[in-house]
Protein backbone atom coordinates (compact mmCIF):
# COMPACT_ATOMS: atom_id res chain seq x y z
CA MET A 1 91.61 70.58 107.45
CA THR A 2 89.51 68.19 109.92
CA THR A 3 90.97 69.67 113.29
CA VAL A 4 89.79 73.77 114.49
CA PRO A 5 92.54 75.65 114.86
CA PRO A 6 92.72 77.69 118.61
CA ALA A 7 91.57 81.05 118.46
CA SER A 8 93.47 84.23 118.64
CA GLY A 9 94.71 84.68 121.73
CA ALA A 10 92.84 87.27 124.20
CA PRO A 11 95.32 88.45 126.35
CA LEU A 12 96.75 90.61 123.26
CA VAL A 13 92.92 91.75 122.34
CA SER A 14 92.66 93.09 125.73
CA ALA A 15 95.97 94.46 125.67
CA TRP A 16 95.51 96.34 122.44
CA HIS A 17 92.36 97.50 123.35
CA ARG A 18 93.66 98.88 126.56
CA LEU A 19 96.27 101.07 124.57
CA LEU A 20 93.68 102.56 122.47
CA ALA A 21 91.10 103.23 125.42
CA GLU A 22 93.90 104.62 127.66
CA ASN A 23 94.55 107.49 125.07
CA PRO A 24 91.59 108.23 123.60
CA GLY A 25 93.03 111.41 122.11
CA GLY A 26 95.21 109.71 119.90
CA THR A 27 92.50 106.84 118.95
CA ALA A 28 90.81 110.14 117.97
CA GLU A 29 93.42 111.29 115.85
CA LEU A 30 93.92 107.65 114.97
CA ALA A 31 90.42 107.38 113.61
CA GLU A 32 90.38 110.54 111.73
CA ALA A 33 93.74 109.79 109.79
CA ILE A 34 91.50 106.58 108.63
CA GLU A 35 88.71 108.39 107.85
CA LYS A 36 90.48 110.80 105.63
CA ARG A 37 92.82 107.81 103.98
CA MET A 38 89.96 105.73 103.30
CA SER A 39 87.64 108.38 101.86
CA VAL A 40 88.87 107.89 98.60
CA GLN A 41 86.34 105.16 97.82
CA PRO A 42 83.39 103.84 99.76
CA TRP A 43 84.31 102.17 103.47
CA ARG A 44 81.55 102.11 105.65
CA HIS A 45 78.45 102.47 106.38
CA PRO A 46 77.71 106.36 108.11
CA ASP A 47 76.50 104.99 111.54
CA SER A 48 79.60 102.46 111.77
CA PRO A 49 81.94 103.10 114.17
CA VAL A 50 85.76 103.07 112.89
CA PRO A 51 87.41 100.46 113.23
CA VAL A 52 91.17 101.25 115.21
CA ARG A 53 92.60 97.54 115.50
CA PRO A 54 92.88 95.21 113.03
CA LEU A 55 91.37 91.82 113.42
CA LEU A 56 93.92 89.44 114.87
CA LEU A 57 94.12 85.93 113.65
CA SER A 58 96.48 83.30 114.72
CA ARG A 59 98.75 81.94 112.84
CA ALA A 60 96.79 78.44 112.54
CA GLU A 61 93.56 80.32 112.07
CA ALA A 62 94.89 82.04 109.09
CA ALA A 63 96.76 79.04 107.76
CA TRP A 64 93.30 77.18 107.71
CA ILE A 65 91.30 80.10 106.21
CA THR A 66 93.58 80.61 102.99
CA ARG A 67 93.97 76.88 102.65
CA ALA A 68 89.91 76.23 102.56
CA ALA A 69 90.09 79.18 100.11
CA ALA A 70 92.65 78.07 97.86
CA ALA A 71 91.32 74.47 97.73
CA VAL A 72 87.51 75.56 96.99
CA VAL A 73 88.67 77.81 93.85
CA GLY A 74 90.99 75.38 92.67
CA LEU A 75 88.24 72.91 92.77
CA ALA A 76 85.66 75.60 91.03
CA VAL A 77 88.11 75.87 88.27
CA GLU A 78 88.02 72.18 87.80
CA GLU A 79 84.32 72.33 87.63
CA CYS A 80 84.52 74.89 85.22
CA ALA A 81 86.82 73.11 82.75
CA ARG A 82 85.07 69.90 83.51
CA ARG A 83 81.45 71.59 82.48
CA ALA A 84 82.55 73.12 79.03
CA GLY A 85 85.29 72.85 76.79
CA SER A 86 85.73 76.98 76.32
CA PRO A 87 85.32 80.09 77.72
CA ALA A 88 82.06 80.81 75.42
CA ALA A 89 80.65 77.28 76.43
CA LEU A 90 80.88 77.96 79.97
CA ALA A 91 79.04 81.39 79.40
CA GLU A 92 76.28 79.34 77.91
CA ALA A 93 76.53 76.51 81.00
CA LEU A 94 75.80 79.31 82.92
CA GLY A 95 73.11 81.49 81.25
CA SER A 96 75.68 84.53 81.31
CA PRO A 97 76.42 87.22 78.22
CA LEU A 98 79.51 86.39 76.28
CA SER A 99 81.55 89.37 76.85
CA PRO A 100 83.62 90.56 73.97
CA LEU A 101 86.82 90.33 76.15
CA VAL A 102 86.47 87.08 76.40
CA THR A 103 89.08 85.14 74.69
CA ASP A 104 89.63 81.10 74.22
CA ARG A 105 93.12 82.01 74.25
CA ALA A 106 94.72 79.42 76.63
CA SER A 107 98.30 81.87 77.13
CA TRP A 108 95.91 84.33 78.40
CA ASN A 109 93.50 82.09 80.34
CA GLN A 110 96.14 80.39 81.94
CA TRP A 111 96.17 83.22 84.24
CA SER A 112 92.27 83.51 84.69
CA ALA A 113 92.32 82.15 88.73
CA SER A 114 95.71 83.67 89.53
CA GLN A 115 93.66 86.41 91.23
CA ALA A 116 91.19 85.29 93.38
CA ARG A 117 89.85 86.81 96.90
CA PRO A 118 86.78 84.43 98.30
CA ASP A 119 84.49 85.85 100.65
CA LEU A 120 83.72 83.42 103.78
CA VAL A 121 82.87 83.29 107.33
CA LEU A 122 84.36 81.18 110.30
CA SER A 123 80.99 79.15 111.19
CA GLY A 124 81.39 77.28 114.57
CA GLY A 125 84.90 77.95 113.89
CA VAL A 126 84.94 76.19 110.11
CA PRO A 127 85.90 78.01 107.40
CA LYS A 128 82.76 78.62 105.44
CA VAL A 129 83.21 80.15 101.47
CA LEU A 130 80.28 81.74 100.47
CA GLU A 131 81.67 83.31 97.30
CA LEU A 132 84.58 82.83 94.90
CA ASN A 133 85.54 86.45 93.51
CA ILE A 134 88.46 85.39 91.15
CA GLY A 135 89.88 87.77 88.71
CA SER A 136 92.01 91.34 88.85
CA ALA A 137 88.69 93.58 89.51
CA ILE A 138 88.66 91.96 93.59
CA GLY A 139 88.84 94.74 95.99
CA GLY A 140 91.24 94.15 99.02
CA PRO A 141 94.41 94.88 97.95
CA GLU A 142 94.46 99.32 97.99
CA ALA A 143 92.11 99.17 101.10
CA THR A 144 94.40 96.73 102.85
CA ALA A 145 97.42 98.86 102.47
CA ARG A 146 96.15 101.96 103.05
CA LEU A 147 94.54 100.64 106.76
CA ASP A 148 97.23 99.30 107.44
CA ALA A 149 99.61 102.30 107.06
CA VAL A 150 97.51 104.12 109.38
CA LEU A 151 96.53 101.47 111.68
CA TRP A 152 100.47 100.71 112.70
CA SER A 153 100.93 104.71 113.02
CA MET A 154 100.22 105.59 116.38
CA PRO A 155 104.61 105.07 118.35
CA PRO A 156 102.96 102.50 121.08
CA ILE A 157 101.38 100.35 119.12
CA ARG A 158 104.45 99.96 116.32
CA ALA A 159 107.32 99.48 118.80
CA ARG A 160 105.12 96.50 119.80
CA GLU A 161 104.77 94.85 116.98
CA ALA A 162 107.91 93.03 117.02
CA GLU A 163 107.04 91.85 121.05
CA TRP A 164 103.52 90.69 119.76
CA LYS A 165 105.03 88.40 117.26
CA LEU A 166 102.73 90.34 114.32
CA SER A 167 102.56 89.86 110.79
CA ARG A 168 100.96 91.92 108.29
CA GLY A 169 99.50 91.02 104.47
CA ARG A 170 101.73 92.10 100.97
CA SER A 171 99.36 91.90 99.05
CA ILE A 172 100.47 94.87 96.98
CA GLN A 173 104.01 93.48 96.40
CA ALA A 174 102.55 90.10 95.78
CA ARG A 175 100.09 91.32 92.75
CA ARG A 176 103.12 93.20 91.51
CA GLU A 177 105.39 89.90 91.40
CA LEU A 178 102.43 88.33 89.71
CA LEU A 179 102.03 91.13 86.60
CA VAL A 180 105.86 90.88 86.62
CA ARG A 181 105.65 87.24 85.94
CA MET A 182 102.86 87.44 83.84
CA ALA A 183 104.83 90.01 81.36
CA ARG A 184 108.20 88.01 81.09
CA ASP A 185 106.25 85.24 80.11
CA ARG A 186 105.05 87.32 77.43
CA CYS A 187 108.69 87.60 76.98
CA ALA A 188 108.59 91.75 78.32
CA SER A 189 111.48 91.95 81.07
CA VAL A 190 111.11 95.44 82.53
CA PRO A 191 107.02 95.85 82.27
CA ARG A 192 105.12 98.75 81.90
CA ILE A 193 102.05 98.34 83.87
CA ALA A 194 98.60 100.22 83.63
CA ILE A 195 95.91 100.79 85.87
CA ALA A 196 92.40 101.03 85.23
CA GLY A 197 89.72 101.56 87.71
CA TRP A 198 88.37 104.15 90.35
CA SER A 199 90.85 106.42 90.53
CA ALA A 200 94.19 107.38 90.51
CA GLU A 201 94.34 108.34 94.51
CA ASN A 202 92.82 104.70 95.01
CA PHE A 203 95.88 103.27 93.52
CA ARG A 204 98.61 105.31 95.02
CA GLU A 205 100.33 102.33 96.70
CA THR A 206 100.36 100.59 94.08
CA VAL A 207 102.03 102.51 91.83
CA ALA A 208 104.90 103.72 94.46
CA ASP A 209 105.08 99.90 94.94
CA ALA A 210 106.18 99.31 91.11
CA GLU A 211 108.47 102.33 91.00
CA GLU A 212 110.12 101.43 93.73
CA HIS A 213 110.89 98.18 92.83
CA GLY A 214 112.27 99.50 88.62
CA VAL A 215 108.52 98.57 87.18
CA PRO A 216 106.76 101.42 85.57
CA CYS A 217 103.39 102.03 86.28
CA SER A 218 100.64 104.13 85.80
CA PHE A 219 96.43 105.31 86.34
CA VAL A 220 95.01 105.72 82.80
CA GLN A 221 91.13 106.08 82.14
CA LEU A 222 89.51 104.17 79.48
CA GLU A 223 88.88 107.20 77.14
CA GLU A 224 92.51 107.59 77.03
CA LEU A 225 93.54 104.18 75.68
CA THR A 226 94.31 103.15 72.07
CA GLU A 227 95.28 100.17 70.27
CA ASP A 228 98.21 100.13 67.52
CA GLY A 229 99.55 96.40 68.24
CA GLY A 230 99.40 96.89 71.82
CA LEU A 231 97.50 99.37 74.17
CA ARG A 232 98.96 102.67 74.62
CA ASP A 233 98.29 105.67 76.98
CA GLY A 234 97.37 109.02 76.10
CA GLN A 235 100.99 109.66 75.96
CA GLY A 236 101.46 107.09 73.16
CA ARG A 237 103.30 104.69 75.81
CA ARG A 238 102.93 100.65 74.68
CA LEU A 239 101.72 98.70 77.55
CA ASP A 240 102.50 95.35 78.14
CA ILE A 241 100.30 94.80 81.31
CA LEU A 242 96.49 96.36 81.69
CA LEU A 243 95.53 95.91 85.38
CA GLN A 244 91.53 96.05 84.94
CA LYS A 245 90.61 96.87 88.42
CA PHE A 246 86.59 97.13 87.02
CA LEU A 247 84.09 94.79 85.73
CA ALA A 248 84.00 94.33 82.11
CA ALA A 249 80.14 94.46 82.15
CA GLY A 250 79.78 96.99 84.63
CA ALA A 251 81.55 99.19 82.06
CA TYR A 252 79.63 97.85 79.07
CA LEU A 253 76.15 99.15 81.04
CA ASP A 254 78.07 102.43 81.74
CA GLY A 255 79.09 103.43 78.12
CA GLU A 256 82.50 102.89 79.27
CA PRO A 257 84.75 103.02 75.77
CA MET A 258 85.80 99.43 75.56
CA ARG A 259 87.35 99.32 71.87
CA ALA A 260 90.69 99.36 72.49
CA LEU A 261 90.42 96.26 75.57
CA GLU A 262 88.74 94.52 72.62
CA GLU A 263 91.14 95.11 69.63
CA ALA A 264 94.06 94.18 72.64
CA VAL A 265 91.99 90.70 73.57
CA ALA A 266 91.63 90.05 69.65
CA GLY A 267 94.91 91.09 68.76
CA ASP A 268 96.76 89.03 71.32
CA SER A 269 98.92 92.14 72.03
CA THR A 270 98.64 94.02 75.59
CA LEU A 271 97.84 91.14 78.14
CA ILE A 272 94.85 92.12 80.65
CA ALA A 273 95.06 90.67 84.18
CA SER A 274 93.02 88.67 84.84
CA PRO A 275 91.43 87.73 81.56
CA GLU A 276 87.46 87.54 81.50
CA LEU A 277 87.19 83.91 81.92
CA SER A 278 87.56 85.25 85.47
CA THR A 279 84.03 86.50 85.55
CA LEU A 280 82.61 83.42 84.93
CA GLN A 281 84.44 81.42 86.86
CA SER A 282 83.16 83.99 89.99
CA ASN A 283 79.36 82.73 89.20
CA LYS A 284 77.84 81.49 92.23
CA LYS A 285 76.05 78.94 90.03
CA VAL A 286 79.61 77.38 90.25
CA LEU A 287 78.98 76.79 94.42
CA ALA A 288 75.72 75.16 93.00
CA TRP A 289 77.98 73.06 90.78
CA LEU A 290 80.52 72.09 93.58
CA THR A 291 77.28 71.04 95.61
CA GLU A 292 76.00 68.98 93.02
CA ARG A 293 78.90 67.08 91.80
CA CYS A 294 80.30 66.29 95.23
CA PRO A 295 79.07 63.07 96.01
CA GLU A 296 80.90 61.60 92.80
CA LEU A 297 84.24 63.29 93.99
CA PRO A 298 87.19 61.60 95.51
CA SER A 299 87.11 61.09 99.10
CA ALA A 300 90.24 64.49 99.43
CA GLN A 301 87.30 66.47 97.30
CA ARG A 302 84.81 65.25 98.93
CA THR A 303 85.77 66.94 102.36
CA VAL A 304 86.64 69.92 101.29
CA ILE A 305 83.18 70.94 99.41
CA GLU A 306 81.49 69.01 102.36
CA GLN A 307 83.30 71.21 105.25
CA HIS A 308 83.88 74.58 103.05
CA VAL A 309 81.02 75.11 100.74
CA PRO A 310 77.59 75.73 102.22
CA TRP A 311 74.93 73.94 100.26
CA THR A 312 74.18 75.99 97.30
CA ALA A 313 71.68 75.44 94.30
CA ASP A 314 70.29 77.03 90.78
CA LEU A 315 67.31 78.72 92.20
CA ALA A 316 64.85 76.64 89.92
CA ASP A 317 61.51 74.89 90.45
CA GLY A 318 62.25 71.41 90.79
CA PRO A 319 63.83 68.36 93.04
CA VAL A 320 67.20 68.76 94.67
CA ARG A 321 69.06 66.83 97.32
CA ARG A 322 70.19 68.32 100.52
CA HIS A 323 72.18 66.34 103.60
CA GLY A 324 70.94 62.81 101.83
CA ARG A 325 67.31 63.78 101.20
CA ARG A 326 65.04 65.01 98.54
CA HIS A 327 63.22 67.69 98.20
CA ASP A 328 61.56 70.33 95.80
CA LEU A 329 63.60 73.31 96.22
CA LEU A 330 60.90 76.42 96.73
CA GLU A 331 59.11 74.13 99.14
CA LEU A 332 62.06 74.21 101.22
CA LEU A 333 62.63 77.33 100.85
CA LEU A 334 59.10 78.67 101.39
CA ARG A 335 59.14 76.39 104.65
CA ASP A 336 62.48 77.20 106.24
CA ARG A 337 63.32 80.66 105.07
CA ASN A 338 65.45 81.19 107.79
CA SER A 339 67.95 78.27 106.65
CA PHE A 340 68.87 80.22 103.62
CA ILE A 341 69.56 83.31 101.58
CA LEU A 342 69.26 84.32 97.93
CA LYS A 343 71.31 85.63 95.43
CA PRO A 344 71.61 86.92 91.89
CA ALA A 345 74.10 84.53 90.61
CA ASP A 346 76.43 86.89 88.86
CA ALA A 347 76.34 90.34 90.92
CA PHE A 348 79.15 91.46 92.73
CA GLY A 349 79.11 94.01 96.36
CA GLY A 350 76.09 92.09 98.19
CA ASN A 351 73.21 93.65 95.74
CA GLY A 352 70.23 92.00 95.53
CA VAL A 353 71.36 89.68 98.33
CA LEU A 354 68.28 88.41 100.60
CA VAL A 355 68.74 86.83 103.86
CA GLY A 356 66.14 84.75 104.63
CA ARG A 357 65.75 85.52 108.48
CA GLU A 358 65.96 88.95 107.86
CA THR A 359 63.58 89.48 105.14
CA PRO A 360 59.62 89.65 105.85
CA SER A 361 58.05 86.37 104.79
CA ARG A 362 55.85 87.79 102.38
CA LYS A 363 58.85 89.46 100.54
CA TRP A 364 60.98 86.20 100.69
CA GLU A 365 57.92 84.12 99.36
CA GLU A 366 58.03 86.78 96.45
CA ALA A 367 61.31 86.32 95.79
CA VAL A 368 61.23 82.62 95.49
CA ARG A 369 58.82 82.15 92.86
CA ASP A 370 59.54 85.43 90.84
CA LYS A 371 63.26 84.72 90.86
CA ALA A 372 63.01 80.96 89.82
CA GLY A 373 64.71 80.00 86.73
CA THR A 374 66.09 83.47 86.33
CA GLY A 375 69.66 83.16 87.44
CA TRP A 376 69.82 83.43 91.06
CA VAL A 377 71.31 80.69 93.65
CA ALA A 378 70.08 79.42 96.87
CA GLN A 379 72.43 79.02 99.41
CA GLU A 380 72.34 77.40 103.08
CA TYR A 381 73.06 80.22 105.69
CA CYS A 382 76.11 80.09 107.73
CA ARG A 383 76.03 81.75 110.93
CA PRO A 384 79.13 83.91 111.39
CA ASP A 385 81.45 83.81 114.52
CA ASN A 386 81.45 86.93 116.44
CA HIS A 387 85.61 88.22 116.76
CA PRO A 388 86.44 90.95 118.95
CA VAL A 389 87.02 94.25 116.99
CA SER A 390 88.38 97.76 118.79
CA ALA A 391 86.82 100.93 117.03
CA PHE A 392 86.00 104.47 117.53
CA ASP A 393 82.54 106.12 118.10
CA PRO A 394 82.90 109.54 116.35
CA ALA A 395 79.04 110.19 118.04
CA SER A 396 80.34 109.51 121.64
CA GLY A 397 84.52 109.97 121.57
CA ASP A 398 84.11 106.39 122.95
CA VAL A 399 86.57 103.69 122.32
CA LEU A 400 84.07 100.58 122.06
CA LEU A 401 85.43 96.88 122.04
CA LEU A 402 82.80 94.86 119.88
CA GLU A 403 81.92 91.55 119.09
CA ARG A 404 80.45 91.54 115.73
CA PRO A 405 80.34 88.94 113.17
CA HIS A 406 82.90 89.30 110.12
CA VAL A 407 83.38 88.27 106.94
CA ILE A 408 86.90 87.11 106.44
CA SER A 409 88.45 87.18 103.05
CA PRO A 410 92.06 85.64 101.96
CA LEU A 411 93.84 87.46 99.30
CA LEU A 412 95.38 84.84 97.28
CA PHE A 413 97.78 85.28 94.00
CA SER A 414 98.79 82.24 92.28
CA GLY A 415 96.78 80.36 95.29
CA ALA A 416 99.22 81.45 97.68
CA GLY A 417 97.55 83.78 100.61
CA THR A 418 98.97 87.24 101.19
CA GLY A 419 96.78 89.03 103.49
CA PHE A 420 93.32 89.61 103.98
CA LEU A 421 90.31 91.68 104.28
CA THR A 422 87.47 91.73 106.45
CA ARG A 423 84.09 93.62 106.90
CA PHE A 424 82.37 93.87 110.22
CA THR A 425 78.87 94.58 110.44
CA ARG A 426 77.88 97.74 112.43
CA PRO A 427 76.10 97.44 115.71
CA GLY A 428 72.09 97.32 114.93
CA GLY A 429 72.94 96.19 111.12
CA GLY A 430 71.83 93.40 109.34
CA ALA A 431 73.84 90.33 108.08
CA VAL A 432 77.62 91.20 106.49
CA THR A 433 76.36 91.42 102.82
CA SER A 434 78.48 94.68 101.44
CA ALA A 435 81.30 96.76 103.10
CA GLN A 436 78.71 99.53 103.52
CA ALA A 437 77.05 96.77 106.26
CA GLY A 438 79.58 98.03 108.66
CA ALA A 439 82.90 98.82 107.94
CA ILE A 440 86.55 97.48 106.10
CA ASN A 441 89.05 96.60 108.10
CA THR A 442 92.56 94.37 107.86
CA VAL A 443 94.13 91.19 109.35
CA SER A 444 96.91 90.84 111.87
CA VAL A 445 98.28 87.35 112.22
CA GLN A 446 100.05 86.62 115.38
CA GLY A 447 102.62 83.85 116.18
């Protein structure tokens, strides 16, 4: 993983953009269809143009990104196991509350890292993993399936898919295959799958894919679930797998009814995919552990971390080592604000993230001092590379070719890459800290 692969070809970017720009009416219709289909969930800032073409990656780029992401997730899971002998001990080591859904049961926890969507940037062409995002609550499979279905709906584009040697993701299918494997491991040959999450409309493609392959699947509300030797839906049907598309901590904060899920965990009945251990493994302190552990690791593992994990440290008042030199962490952060970002260790969706170069110095200083020792991390800032994206501006009616920073997120199921979610920042926007900073997009792989 030491050679930077070639960037995806500019000729195809230009050719695809030209097809869109020469047909502004059709492109406007495409953008409107995308907006309508994606409106089931927040997906772009109101001032962001609408992407009308997937991000293009070369096959070598896509493979390198996926290998790096899978390797970092694997090392993170190993480090969690090394630091703590049980999920409860891991929660204590991380300073995280112990969720009622956490279990020590190996038959559940074997699936903890089977679903992941690490967030990374290409910085100088090198993948840098910023966050781990392990568990069934990861976003991406649903959004990319919706986007791909619309982005490829224009006949001139669809006709060139084979000619341009492009491939798309298959995350919905890969997740269904994973869930069936989980069920068969528990002796359910034809499992009934239920999905609990955002809304029924958000999982339309998931349900349709499962039903097309003979796997009964439905969306459920948490309040309809009961537990009677297994979770049952509102019609009394026994469920074999629950795809939990929400964070349990958020559900508890919102007062959602969680008793049936707790009873399923306690009684080892309906398997929840993924187990709550995944949330602990996603904690950003784990990247700080990898940074700290790196010098002690074998050469191959050390290379992965040095190349693909930005320097990360638990935000605390004390000494750290960075690039071979000893520093007082808080003094380092205060004198070199532009080189760092601050993040809550257990937050998601970009909540609370402070980018030093975009944060006023007084606010930065207050955060460094106030957040020290409260469950935050400091991470080295990685300048993201720009990537071209064709987008439609609803305000002007223009078809734009933009060069924008992207966060690229490979969708990993059982460690294998099955597609990508990307987010780019809108013109005039700051760093890509969440989808709402710009817009979500998907990826086509060339070659």
